[in-house]
C-alpha atoms as a PDB file:
ATOM      1  CA  MET A   1     -82.103 145.784 -40.616  1.00  0.00           C
ATOM      2  CA  SER A   2     -83.614 143.342 -43.093  1.00  0.00           C
ATOM      3  CA  THR A   3     -82.344 139.785 -43.584  1.00  0.00           C
ATOM      4  CA  THR A   4     -82.766 140.157 -47.340  1.00  0.00           C
ATOM      5  CA  LEU A   5     -81.081 142.480 -49.794  1.00  0.00           C
ATOM      6  CA  PRO A   6     -82.753 145.933 -49.689  1.00  0.00           C
ATOM      7  CA  GLU A   7     -84.311 147.050 -52.941  1.00  0.00           C
ATOM      8  CA  SER A   8     -82.300 149.653 -54.849  1.00  0.00           C
ATOM      9  CA  GLN A   9     -83.261 151.915 -57.719  1.00  0.00           C
ATOM     10  CA  GLY A  10     -79.792 152.167 -59.179  1.00  0.00           C
ATOM     11  CA  LEU A  11     -76.140 151.183 -59.050  1.00  0.00           C
ATOM     12  CA  LEU A  12     -73.326 153.627 -58.343  1.00  0.00           C
ATOM     13  CA  MET A  13     -70.051 152.317 -59.770  1.00  0.00           C
ATOM     14  CA  LEU A  14     -66.596 153.620 -58.881  1.00  0.00           C
ATOM     15  CA  PRO A  15     -64.180 151.637 -61.064  1.00  0.00           C
ATOM     16  CA  HIS A  16     -60.492 150.907 -60.444  1.00  0.00           C
ATOM     17  CA  LEU A  17     -59.942 152.844 -57.238  1.00  0.00           C
ATOM     18  CA  ARG A  18     -56.289 152.673 -56.243  1.00  0.00           C
ATOM     19  CA  ILE A  19     -56.067 152.385 -52.451  1.00  0.00           C
ATOM     20  CA  GLN A  20     -52.706 152.773 -50.725  1.00  0.00           C
ATOM     21  CA  ASN A  21     -51.918 151.359 -47.270  1.00  0.00           C
ATOM     22  CA  ALA A  22     -55.349 149.906 -46.479  1.00  0.00           C
ATOM     23  CA  ASN A  23     -55.668 147.788 -43.346  1.00  0.00           C
ATOM     24  CA  ALA A  24     -54.687 144.175 -44.056  1.00  0.00           C
ATOM     25  CA  ILE A  25     -55.484 142.809 -40.567  1.00  0.00           C
ATOM     26  CA  SER A  26     -59.268 142.759 -40.281  1.00  0.00           C
ATOM     27  CA  SER A  27     -59.568 140.325 -37.366  1.00  0.00           C
ATOM     28  CA  PRO A  28     -57.442 138.348 -34.899  1.00  0.00           C
ATOM     29  CA  LEU A  29     -57.460 135.306 -37.218  1.00  0.00           C
ATOM     30  CA  THR A  30     -57.350 136.628 -40.798  1.00  0.00           C
ATOM     31  CA  HIS A  31     -55.381 138.981 -43.009  1.00  0.00           C
ATOM     32  CA  GLY A  32     -55.521 140.193 -46.591  1.00  0.00           C
ATOM     33  CA  LEU A  33     -58.278 142.196 -48.257  1.00  0.00           C
ATOM     34  CA  PRO A  34     -60.076 144.441 -45.727  1.00  0.00           C
ATOM     35  CA  SER A  35     -63.199 143.009 -44.131  1.00  0.00           C
ATOM     36  CA  MET A  36     -66.613 143.752 -45.625  1.00  0.00           C
ATOM     37  CA  THR A  37     -67.377 145.532 -42.343  1.00  0.00           C
ATOM     38  CA  ALA A  38     -64.870 148.164 -43.460  1.00  0.00           C
ATOM     39  CA  PHE A  39     -66.610 148.654 -46.810  1.00  0.00           C
ATOM     40  CA  LEU A  40     -70.054 148.804 -45.197  1.00  0.00           C
ATOM     41  CA  GLY A  41     -68.665 151.354 -42.746  1.00  0.00           C
ATOM     42  CA  LEU A  42     -67.326 153.346 -45.684  1.00  0.00           C
ATOM     43  CA  MET A  43     -70.761 153.191 -47.334  1.00  0.00           C
ATOM     44  CA  TRP A  44     -72.530 154.585 -44.257  1.00  0.00           C
ATOM     45  CA  ALA A  45     -69.875 157.268 -43.695  1.00  0.00           C
ATOM     46  CA  LEU A  46     -70.195 158.340 -47.338  1.00  0.00           C
ATOM     47  CA  GLU A  47     -73.987 158.487 -47.016  1.00  0.00           C
ATOM     48  CA  ARG A  48     -73.719 160.753 -43.961  1.00  0.00           C
ATOM     49  CA  LYS A  49     -71.304 163.084 -45.727  1.00  0.00           C
ATOM     50  CA  LEU A  50     -73.562 163.389 -48.754  1.00  0.00           C
ATOM     51  CA  CYS A  51     -76.639 164.005 -46.598  1.00  0.00           C
ATOM     52  CA  ALA A  52     -74.771 166.772 -44.784  1.00  0.00           C
ATOM     53  CA  ASN A  53     -74.046 168.361 -48.181  1.00  0.00           C
ATOM     54  CA  GLY A  54     -77.714 168.221 -49.160  1.00  0.00           C
ATOM     55  CA  THR A  55     -77.372 165.301 -51.573  1.00  0.00           C
ATOM     56  CA  GLY A  56     -80.346 163.048 -50.876  1.00  0.00           C
ATOM     57  CA  MET A  57     -79.131 159.537 -51.594  1.00  0.00           C
ATOM     58  CA  ALA A  58     -79.685 156.339 -49.591  1.00  0.00           C
ATOM     59  CA  PHE A  59     -76.970 153.671 -49.777  1.00  0.00           C
ATOM     60  CA  ASN A  60     -78.404 150.169 -49.365  1.00  0.00           C
ATOM     61  CA  SER A  61     -75.581 147.756 -50.170  1.00  0.00           C
ATOM     62  CA  VAL A  62     -72.033 147.478 -51.488  1.00  0.00           C
ATOM     63  CA  GLY A  63     -70.083 145.059 -53.677  1.00  0.00           C
ATOM     64  CA  VAL A  64     -66.301 144.793 -54.089  1.00  0.00           C
ATOM     65  CA  ILE A  65     -64.373 143.565 -57.118  1.00  0.00           C
ATOM     66  CA  CYS A  66     -60.613 143.247 -56.616  1.00  0.00           C
ATOM     67  CA  HIS A  67     -58.483 143.698 -59.749  1.00  0.00           C
ATOM     68  CA  ASP A  68     -55.046 143.697 -58.133  1.00  0.00           C
ATOM     69  CA  PHE A  69     -53.431 143.778 -54.694  1.00  0.00           C
ATOM     70  CA  ASP A  70     -49.980 144.101 -53.153  1.00  0.00           C
ATOM     71  CA  GLU A  71     -49.833 143.046 -49.519  1.00  0.00           C
ATOM     72  CA  GLN A  72     -46.855 144.656 -47.818  1.00  0.00           C
ATOM     73  CA  VAL A  73     -45.017 141.531 -46.637  1.00  0.00           C
ATOM     74  CA  THR A  74     -41.446 140.289 -46.791  1.00  0.00           C
ATOM     75  CA  GLU A  75     -40.344 138.519 -49.971  1.00  0.00           C
ATOM     76  CA  GLY A  76     -38.897 135.020 -50.216  1.00  0.00           C
ATOM     77  CA  GLY A  77     -39.564 131.903 -48.222  1.00  0.00           C
ATOM     78  CA  TYR A  78     -42.770 130.157 -47.230  1.00  0.00           C
ATOM     79  CA  THR A  79     -43.266 132.095 -43.987  1.00  0.00           C
ATOM     80  CA  LYS A  80     -43.775 135.834 -44.454  1.00  0.00           C
ATOM     81  CA  ALA A  81     -44.041 138.816 -42.140  1.00  0.00           C
ATOM     82  CA  PHE A  82     -45.536 142.289 -42.493  1.00  0.00           C
ATOM     83  CA  ARG A  83     -43.250 145.174 -43.357  1.00  0.00           C
ATOM     84  CA  LEU A  84     -43.443 147.412 -40.310  1.00  0.00           C
ATOM     85  CA  THR A  85     -42.615 151.095 -39.904  1.00  0.00           C
ATOM     86  CA  ARG A  86     -40.017 152.256 -37.393  1.00  0.00           C
ATOM     87  CA  ASN A  87     -41.379 155.053 -35.212  1.00  0.00           C
ATOM     88  CA  PRO A  88     -39.294 158.013 -33.959  1.00  0.00           C
ATOM     89  CA  VAL A  89     -37.553 157.633 -30.601  1.00  0.00           C
ATOM     90  CA  ASP A  90     -39.279 158.659 -27.371  1.00  0.00           C
ATOM     91  CA  ARG A  91     -38.623 161.934 -25.590  1.00  0.00           C
ATOM     92  CA  ASP A  92     -35.916 160.348 -23.455  1.00  0.00           C
ATOM     93  CA  GLY A  93     -34.194 158.921 -26.535  1.00  0.00           C
ATOM     94  CA  SER A  94     -35.273 155.328 -25.991  1.00  0.00           C
ATOM     95  CA  THR A  95     -36.592 153.175 -28.818  1.00  0.00           C
ATOM     96  CA  ALA A  96     -40.344 153.432 -29.302  1.00  0.00           C
ATOM     97  CA  ALA A  97     -42.391 150.271 -29.278  1.00  0.00           C
ATOM     98  CA  ILE A  98     -43.256 148.820 -32.682  1.00  0.00           C
ATOM     99  CA  VAL A  99     -46.972 148.166 -33.040  1.00  0.00           C
ATOM    100  CA  GLU A 100     -47.616 145.523 -35.702  1.00  0.00           C
ATOM    101  CA  GLU A 101     -49.862 146.771 -38.481  1.00  0.00           C
ATOM    102  CA  GLY A 102     -50.602 145.112 -41.792  1.00  0.00           C
ATOM    103  CA  ARG A 103     -50.890 147.212 -44.935  1.00  0.00           C
ATOM    104  CA  ILE A 104     -52.063 146.374 -48.443  1.00  0.00           C
ATOM    105  CA  HIS A 105     -52.287 148.306 -51.713  1.00  0.00           C
ATOM    106  CA  LEU A 106     -55.457 147.642 -53.714  1.00  0.00           C
ATOM    107  CA  ASP A 107     -56.990 148.196 -57.129  1.00  0.00           C
ATOM    108  CA  ILE A 108     -60.734 147.708 -56.588  1.00  0.00           C
ATOM    109  CA  THR A 109     -64.097 148.583 -58.077  1.00  0.00           C
ATOM    110  CA  LEU A 110     -66.846 149.566 -55.636  1.00  0.00           C
ATOM    111  CA  VAL A 111     -70.486 149.007 -56.600  1.00  0.00           C
ATOM    112  CA  PHE A 112     -73.153 150.589 -54.385  1.00  0.00           C
ATOM    113  CA  GLY A 113     -76.857 149.794 -54.448  1.00  0.00           C
ATOM    114  CA  VAL A 114     -78.550 153.207 -54.055  1.00  0.00           C
ATOM    115  CA  SER A 115     -81.955 154.858 -53.968  1.00  0.00           C
ATOM    116  CA  SER A 116     -82.511 158.488 -54.902  1.00  0.00           C
ATOM    117  CA  GLU A 117     -84.915 160.633 -56.885  1.00  0.00           C
ATOM    118  CA  THR A 118     -81.958 161.550 -59.084  1.00  0.00           C
ATOM    119  CA  VAL A 119     -81.718 157.925 -60.248  1.00  0.00           C
ATOM    120  CA  LEU A 120     -85.063 158.371 -61.999  1.00  0.00           C
ATOM    121  CA  GLU A 121     -83.953 161.536 -63.804  1.00  0.00           C
ATOM    122  CA  LYS A 122     -81.964 162.020 -67.009  1.00  0.00           C
ATOM    123  CA  ALA A 123     -78.465 160.700 -67.582  1.00  0.00           C
ATOM    124  CA  GLU A 124     -76.894 164.152 -67.183  1.00  0.00           C
ATOM    125  CA  ALA A 125     -78.274 164.542 -63.652  1.00  0.00           C
ATOM    126  CA  ARG A 126     -77.142 161.050 -62.699  1.00  0.00           C
ATOM    127  CA  GLN A 127     -73.618 161.708 -63.965  1.00  0.00           C
ATOM    128  CA  THR A 128     -73.406 164.965 -62.028  1.00  0.00           C
ATOM    129  CA  LEU A 129     -74.369 163.137 -58.840  1.00  0.00           C
ATOM    130  CA  ALA A 130     -71.881 160.323 -59.547  1.00  0.00           C
ATOM    131  CA  ASP A 131     -69.093 162.878 -59.980  1.00  0.00           C
ATOM    132  CA  THR A 132     -70.077 164.512 -56.674  1.00  0.00           C
ATOM    133  CA  VAL A 133     -69.920 161.172 -54.878  1.00  0.00           C
ATOM    134  CA  ALA A 134     -66.518 160.350 -56.383  1.00  0.00           C
ATOM    135  CA  GLU A 135     -65.160 163.742 -55.401  1.00  0.00           C
ATOM    136  CA  THR A 136     -66.413 163.275 -51.831  1.00  0.00           C
ATOM    137  CA  LEU A 137     -64.983 159.771 -51.610  1.00  0.00           C
ATOM    138  CA  ALA A 138     -61.563 160.980 -52.793  1.00  0.00           C
ATOM    139  CA  GLY A 139     -61.138 162.837 -49.505  1.00  0.00           C
ATOM    140  CA  MET A 140     -62.085 159.866 -47.318  1.00  0.00           C
ATOM    141  CA  ARG A 141     -60.260 156.854 -45.972  1.00  0.00           C
ATOM    142  CA  VAL A 142     -61.075 153.437 -47.432  1.00  0.00           C
ATOM    143  CA  ALA A 143     -60.400 150.759 -44.809  1.00  0.00           C
ATOM    144  CA  GLY A 144     -57.760 153.054 -43.353  1.00  0.00           C
ATOM    145  CA  GLY A 145     -56.091 153.590 -46.742  1.00  0.00           C
ATOM    146  CA  SER A 146     -55.858 156.626 -49.006  1.00  0.00           C
ATOM    147  CA  ILE A 147     -57.260 156.907 -52.526  1.00  0.00           C
ATOM    148  CA  VAL A 148     -54.526 157.635 -55.051  1.00  0.00           C
ATOM    149  CA  PRO A 149     -55.741 159.644 -58.081  1.00  0.00           C
ATOM    150  CA  THR A 150     -55.153 158.043 -61.463  1.00  0.00           C
ATOM    151  CA  ARG A 151     -52.186 159.634 -63.200  1.00  0.00           C
ATOM    152  CA  GLY A 152     -53.256 162.152 -65.814  1.00  0.00           C
ATOM    153  CA  ALA A 153     -56.889 162.177 -64.683  1.00  0.00           C
ATOM    154  CA  ASP A 154     -58.871 163.363 -61.694  1.00  0.00           C
ATOM    155  CA  ALA A 155     -60.096 161.046 -58.941  1.00  0.00           C
ATOM    156  CA  LYS A 156     -63.693 161.012 -60.167  1.00  0.00           C
ATOM    157  CA  GLN A 157     -62.942 159.610 -63.611  1.00  0.00           C
ATOM    158  CA  GLY A 158     -65.155 156.697 -64.520  1.00  0.00           C
ATOM    159  CA  ALA A 159     -67.779 157.128 -61.789  1.00  0.00           C
ATOM    160  CA  GLU A 160     -71.228 156.227 -63.098  1.00  0.00           C
ATOM    161  CA  LEU A 161     -74.760 156.059 -61.707  1.00  0.00           C
ATOM    162  CA  ILE A 162     -77.196 153.899 -63.648  1.00  0.00           C
ATOM    163  CA  ARG A 163     -80.868 153.121 -63.201  1.00  0.00           C
ATOM    164  CA  LEU A 164     -81.671 149.440 -62.687  1.00  0.00           C
ATOM    165  CA  ALA A 165     -84.102 147.975 -65.206  1.00  0.00           C
ATOM    166  CA  GLU A 166     -87.418 146.875 -63.713  1.00  0.00           C
ATOM    167  CA  ASP A 167     -88.189 144.177 -66.277  1.00  0.00           C
ATOM    168  CA  SER A 168     -86.430 140.917 -65.348  1.00  0.00           C
ATOM    169  CA  THR A 169     -85.359 140.139 -68.928  1.00  0.00           C
ATOM    170  CA  GLU A 170     -83.922 143.610 -69.462  1.00  0.00           C
ATOM    171  CA  ALA A 171     -82.310 143.515 -66.007  1.00  0.00           C
ATOM    172  CA  GLY A 172     -80.506 140.321 -66.973  1.00  0.00           C
ATOM    173  CA  LYS A 173     -79.155 141.890 -70.172  1.00  0.00           C
ATOM    174  CA  GLN A 174     -78.134 145.005 -68.246  1.00  0.00           C
ATOM    175  CA  PHE A 175     -76.174 143.012 -65.659  1.00  0.00           C
ATOM    176  CA  ARG A 176     -74.413 140.913 -68.305  1.00  0.00           C
ATOM    177  CA  ARG A 177     -73.156 144.133 -69.909  1.00  0.00           C
ATOM    178  CA  LEU A 178     -71.983 145.463 -66.544  1.00  0.00           C
ATOM    179  CA  ARG A 179     -70.128 142.365 -65.389  1.00  0.00           C
ATOM    180  CA  ARG A 180     -67.986 142.335 -68.542  1.00  0.00           C
ATOM    181  CA  ARG A 181     -66.703 145.772 -67.527  1.00  0.00           C
ATOM    182  CA  TRP A 182     -65.488 144.375 -64.188  1.00  0.00           C
ATOM    183  CA  LEU A 183     -63.107 141.904 -65.824  1.00  0.00           C
ATOM    184  CA  PRO A 184     -60.409 140.945 -65.105  1.00  0.00           C
ATOM    185  CA  GLY A 185     -61.087 140.746 -61.387  1.00  0.00           C
ATOM    186  CA  PHE A 186     -62.692 138.739 -58.618  1.00  0.00           C
ATOM    187  CA  ALA A 187     -65.749 139.513 -56.495  1.00  0.00           C
ATOM    188  CA  LEU A 188     -66.043 138.419 -52.872  1.00  0.00           C
ATOM    189  CA  VAL A 189     -69.243 136.542 -51.977  1.00  0.00           C
ATOM    190  CA  CYS A 190     -70.376 134.794 -48.792  1.00  0.00           C
ATOM    191  CA  ARG A 191     -70.563 130.989 -48.607  1.00  0.00           C
ATOM    192  CA  ASP A 192     -72.261 130.221 -45.311  1.00  0.00           C
ATOM    193  CA  ASP A 193     -73.649 127.136 -47.042  1.00  0.00           C
ATOM    194  CA  LEU A 194     -70.183 125.582 -47.436  1.00  0.00           C
ATOM    195  CA  LEU A 195     -69.504 126.060 -43.742  1.00  0.00           C
ATOM    196  CA  ALA A 196     -72.823 124.400 -42.809  1.00  0.00           C
ATOM    197  CA  GLN A 197     -72.150 121.475 -45.169  1.00  0.00           C
ATOM    198  CA  ARG A 198     -68.654 120.900 -43.765  1.00  0.00           C
ATOM    199  CA  LEU A 199     -69.943 121.042 -40.189  1.00  0.00           C
ATOM    200  CA  ALA A 200     -72.572 118.408 -41.015  1.00  0.00           C
ATOM    201  CA  SER A 201     -69.976 116.112 -42.612  1.00  0.00           C
ATOM    202  CA  LEU A 202     -67.609 116.477 -39.624  1.00  0.00           C
ATOM    203  CA  ARG A 203     -70.381 115.721 -37.132  1.00  0.00           C
ATOM    204  CA  ALA A 204     -71.234 112.553 -39.038  1.00  0.00           C
ATOM    205  CA  ILE A 205     -67.741 111.346 -38.038  1.00  0.00           C
ATOM    206  CA  GLU A 206     -67.262 113.221 -34.760  1.00  0.00           C
ATOM    207  CA  PRO A 207     -70.519 114.377 -33.066  1.00  0.00           C
ATOM    208  CA  THR A 208     -68.670 116.899 -30.869  1.00  0.00           C
ATOM    209  CA  ALA A 209     -67.279 118.855 -33.860  1.00  0.00           C
ATOM    210  CA  THR A 210     -67.908 122.609 -33.695  1.00  0.00           C
ATOM    211  CA  ALA A 211     -68.323 125.376 -36.250  1.00  0.00           C
ATOM    212  CA  LEU A 212     -64.717 126.405 -35.518  1.00  0.00           C
ATOM    213  CA  ASP A 213     -63.544 122.923 -36.498  1.00  0.00           C
ATOM    214  CA  ALA A 214     -65.457 123.261 -39.772  1.00  0.00           C
ATOM    215  CA  LEU A 215     -63.961 126.713 -40.418  1.00  0.00           C
ATOM    216  CA  LEU A 216     -60.400 125.479 -39.828  1.00  0.00           C
ATOM    217  CA  ASP A 217     -60.995 122.366 -41.931  1.00  0.00           C
ATOM    218  CA  LEU A 218     -62.175 124.492 -44.849  1.00  0.00           C
ATOM    219  CA  SER A 219     -59.360 127.022 -44.425  1.00  0.00           C
ATOM    220  CA  ARG A 220     -56.496 124.598 -44.904  1.00  0.00           C
ATOM    221  CA  ILE A 221     -55.361 122.203 -47.631  1.00  0.00           C
ATOM    222  CA  ASN A 222     -56.393 118.696 -46.563  1.00  0.00           C
ATOM    223  CA  TRP A 223     -54.769 115.537 -47.922  1.00  0.00           C
ATOM    224  CA  ARG A 224     -56.965 112.433 -47.855  1.00  0.00           C
ATOM    225  CA  PRO A 225     -55.945 108.776 -48.368  1.00  0.00           C
ATOM    226  CA  GLU A 226     -57.440 106.976 -51.358  1.00  0.00           C
ATOM    227  CA  PRO A 227     -56.991 103.342 -52.453  1.00  0.00           C
ATOM    228  CA  ALA A 228     -54.061 103.086 -54.838  1.00  0.00           C
ATOM    229  CA  ALA A 229     -54.389 101.313 -58.174  1.00  0.00           C
ATOM    230  CA  ALA A 230     -52.273  98.160 -58.025  1.00  0.00           C
ATOM    231  CA  SER A 231     -51.749  95.047 -60.169  1.00  0.00           C
ATOM    232  CA  ASP A 232     -52.252  91.500 -58.865  1.00  0.00           C
ATOM    233  CA  SER A 233     -48.524  91.115 -58.288  1.00  0.00           C
ATOM    234  CA  GLU A 234     -48.344  94.286 -56.183  1.00  0.00           C
ATOM    235  CA  ARG A 235     -49.510  94.851 -52.668  1.00  0.00           C
ATOM    236  CA  LYS A 236     -52.413  97.294 -52.489  1.00  0.00           C
ATOM    237  CA  GLY A 237     -51.838 100.547 -50.598  1.00  0.00           C
ATOM    238  CA  VAL A 238     -53.183 104.081 -50.475  1.00  0.00           C
ATOM    239  CA  GLU A 239     -52.408 107.306 -52.257  1.00  0.00           C
ATOM    240  CA  TRP A 240     -52.540 110.673 -50.509  1.00  0.00           C
ATOM    241  CA  LYS A 241     -54.322 113.264 -52.628  1.00  0.00           C
ATOM    242  CA  PRO A 242     -55.345 116.873 -51.925  1.00  0.00           C
ATOM    243  CA  GLU A 243     -59.024 117.280 -51.179  1.00  0.00           C
ATOM    244  CA  PRO A 244     -60.945 119.000 -54.030  1.00  0.00           C
ATOM    245  CA  ARG A 245     -61.947 122.541 -53.134  1.00  0.00           C
ATOM    246  CA  ALA A 246     -65.112 124.381 -54.151  1.00  0.00           C
ATOM    247  CA  GLY A 247     -63.292 127.217 -55.886  1.00  0.00           C
ATOM    248  CA  TRP A 248     -61.144 129.910 -54.265  1.00  0.00           C
ATOM    249  CA  ILE A 249     -62.526 129.868 -50.723  1.00  0.00           C
ATOM    250  CA  VAL A 250     -61.124 131.811 -47.764  1.00  0.00           C
ATOM    251  CA  PRO A 251     -62.027 132.439 -44.102  1.00  0.00           C
ATOM    252  CA  ILE A 252     -63.416 135.952 -43.639  1.00  0.00           C
ATOM    253  CA  PRO A 253     -64.730 138.085 -40.754  1.00  0.00           C
ATOM    254  CA  VAL A 254     -68.404 138.901 -41.339  1.00  0.00           C
ATOM    255  CA  GLY A 255     -69.324 141.065 -38.365  1.00  0.00           C
ATOM    256  CA  TYR A 256     -69.519 141.003 -34.594  1.00  0.00           C
ATOM    257  CA  GLY A 257     -71.184 138.981 -31.823  1.00  0.00           C
ATOM    258  CA  ALA A 258     -72.123 140.381 -28.424  1.00  0.00           C
ATOM    259  CA  LEU A 259     -70.047 139.534 -25.349  1.00  0.00           C
ATOM    260  CA  SER A 260     -72.115 141.637 -22.940  1.00  0.00           C
ATOM    261  CA  GLY A 261     -75.447 143.308 -22.530  1.00  0.00           C
ATOM    262  CA  ILE A 262     -76.151 146.832 -23.791  1.00  0.00           C
ATOM    263  CA  HIS A 263     -74.646 149.564 -21.607  1.00  0.00           C
ATOM    264  CA  PRO A 264     -76.330 153.005 -21.552  1.00  0.00           C
ATOM    265  CA  ALA A 265     -74.626 155.795 -23.465  1.00  0.00           C
ATOM    266  CA  GLY A 266     -71.808 157.417 -21.481  1.00  0.00           C
ATOM    267  CA  SER A 267     -71.618 154.645 -18.866  1.00  0.00           C
ATOM    268  CA  VAL A 268     -68.452 153.010 -20.304  1.00  0.00           C
ATOM    269  CA  LYS A 269     -65.233 154.934 -19.775  1.00  0.00           C
ATOM    270  CA  ASN A 270     -63.153 155.842 -22.860  1.00  0.00           C
ATOM    271  CA  ALA A 271     -65.866 154.752 -25.316  1.00  0.00           C
ATOM    272  CA  ARG A 272     -65.423 156.370 -28.715  1.00  0.00           C
ATOM    273  CA  ASP A 273     -68.992 157.733 -28.766  1.00  0.00           C
ATOM    274  CA  SER A 274     -70.517 158.882 -25.478  1.00  0.00           C
ATOM    275  CA  HIS A 275     -73.940 159.514 -27.046  1.00  0.00           C
ATOM    276  CA  THR A 276     -74.618 155.966 -28.272  1.00  0.00           C
ATOM    277  CA  ASP A 277     -75.375 152.799 -26.308  1.00  0.00           C
ATOM    278  CA  PHE A 278     -72.334 150.548 -25.908  1.00  0.00           C
ATOM    279  CA  ARG A 279     -71.794 146.787 -26.186  1.00  0.00           C
ATOM    280  CA  PHE A 280     -68.672 144.627 -25.996  1.00  0.00           C
ATOM    281  CA  VAL A 281     -68.344 142.350 -29.038  1.00  0.00           C
ATOM    282  CA  GLU A 282     -66.005 139.878 -30.728  1.00  0.00           C
ATOM    283  CA  SER A 283     -65.454 139.005 -34.387  1.00  0.00           C
ATOM    284  CA  LEU A 284     -67.720 136.600 -36.266  1.00  0.00           C
ATOM    285  CA  TYR A 285     -66.260 134.384 -39.000  1.00  0.00           C
ATOM    286  CA  SER A 286     -67.567 132.554 -42.028  1.00  0.00           C
ATOM    287  CA  ILE A 287     -66.333 131.331 -45.411  1.00  0.00           C
ATOM    288  CA  GLY A 288     -66.060 133.613 -48.439  1.00  0.00           C
ATOM    289  CA  GLN A 289     -65.361 132.822 -52.066  1.00  0.00           C
ATOM    290  CA  TRP A 290     -63.599 134.828 -54.736  1.00  0.00           C
ATOM    291  CA  ILE A 291     -65.521 134.433 -57.971  1.00  0.00           C
ATOM    292  CA  SER A 292     -65.068 135.952 -61.406  1.00  0.00           C
ATOM    293  CA  PRO A 293     -67.803 138.533 -62.138  1.00  0.00           C
ATOM    294  CA  HIS A 294     -68.819 136.719 -65.326  1.00  0.00           C
ATOM    295  CA  ARG A 295     -70.021 133.827 -63.138  1.00  0.00           C
ATOM    296  CA  LEU A 296     -72.436 136.023 -61.167  1.00  0.00           C
ATOM    297  CA  GLY A 297     -76.069 135.518 -62.108  1.00  0.00           C
ATOM    298  CA  GLY A 298     -77.346 138.902 -60.958  1.00  0.00           C
ATOM    299  CA  VAL A 299     -76.600 141.999 -58.947  1.00  0.00           C
ATOM    300  CA  ARG A 300     -78.025 140.499 -55.735  1.00  0.00           C
ATOM    301  CA  GLU A 301     -75.255 137.878 -55.755  1.00  0.00           C
ATOM    302  CA  LEU A 302     -72.609 140.620 -55.675  1.00  0.00           C
ATOM    303  CA  LEU A 303     -73.942 143.064 -53.085  1.00  0.00           C
ATOM    304  CA  TRP A 304     -73.442 142.940 -49.298  1.00  0.00           C
ATOM    305  CA  TYR A 305     -75.730 144.582 -46.735  1.00  0.00           C
ATOM    306  CA  GLY A 306     -75.897 145.009 -42.963  1.00  0.00           C
ATOM    307  CA  HIS A 307     -78.102 142.977 -40.643  1.00  0.00           C
ATOM    308  CA  SER A 308     -78.503 143.600 -36.892  1.00  0.00           C
ATOM    309  CA  ASP A 309     -80.241 141.268 -34.445  1.00  0.00           C
ATOM    310  CA  VAL A 310     -80.041 143.066 -31.113  1.00  0.00           C
ATOM    311  CA  GLU A 311     -81.797 140.330 -29.136  1.00  0.00           C
ATOM    312  CA  SER A 312     -79.413 137.627 -30.362  1.00  0.00           C
ATOM    313  CA  GLY A 313     -76.442 139.986 -30.197  1.00  0.00           C
ATOM    314  CA  LEU A 314     -75.488 139.516 -33.864  1.00  0.00           C
ATOM    315  CA  TYR A 315     -74.276 142.393 -36.023  1.00  0.00           C
ATOM    316  CA  ARG A 316     -73.101 141.022 -39.338  1.00  0.00           C
ATOM    317  CA  CYS A 317     -72.638 141.540 -43.053  1.00  0.00           C
ATOM    318  CA  ARG A 318     -74.807 139.429 -45.342  1.00  0.00           C
ATOM    319  CA  ASN A 319     -74.649 138.439 -48.972  1.00  0.00           C
ATOM    320  CA  ASP A 320     -77.281 136.452 -50.882  1.00  0.00           C
ATOM    321  CA  PHE A 321     -75.002 134.497 -53.228  1.00  0.00           C
ATOM    322  CA  ALA A 322     -75.568 131.218 -51.323  1.00  0.00           C
ATOM    323  CA  ALA A 323     -79.331 131.749 -51.551  1.00  0.00           C
ATOM    324  CA  ALA A 324     -79.193 131.758 -55.352  1.00  0.00           C
ATOM    325  CA  PRO A 325     -80.716 128.678 -57.048  1.00  0.00           C
ATOM    326  CA  HIS A 326     -77.399 127.558 -58.598  1.00  0.00           C
ATOM    327  CA  ALA A 327     -75.678 127.580 -55.174  1.00  0.00           C
END
């Protein structure tokens, strides 16, 4: 896949989807909103379903705007735990093991970059296709969660497919109108640049610092000593102040890295798909940032897309926000 955002003819918007019991544990180190790998997987699964139904539409990228969330954790106190379900007893009457699973309820808007001949047709044809997509999505899982229909309306309400303007000036006006409709909410973008900058600053002090050190340093609240203001009659000291942060930044999983070579299809026992080549992988991490949609400069800053480098063993989600001139 390409290392740049694929060109799309239109945007398919599915506003304010209410997701119940989505997966809140996306990797061994993080929790919260489902990983972008889950939303890219949803995009590809939706594309396959539509192709099977004879709807010719290519999905190129996906963006997520979160309007509200309710992570299912215990209330009160600084340390929290997931609310777990108690399973029925075993056949012999003994207590079944409790497998920890994190769940989260979401109110999100999904924005897909798409290409289709229908995008170039009249508004009526585009709306019919958007309704078909919404109806198909209503019967699918979103990051393991279920879509809850809006009370008093069907699940496809609000779905819209628009054609992207080709002129840059008109495209800018078009996006400014769209981003106002996504408020209030926050869009997740990738900030690989912040991770690289922090790694460089750590290595200036400690040459053996690793990318993991930079990730952990960015993921926590750091207090740094600063010279305290003091009069001549007072002894000078230091003040401990929290380090300024570049917005609402969080550690996120962004894909997978290879742990082994590629095994031929069917050669690995209990693989989920016996017709596809197999490879053992582990999670890849980077830094993400939640940003208000009105601060996005264009649609390319919002959308995520897949990138595979088989030779290097990297399979990851990419976003071009950090490549924008202002970043």
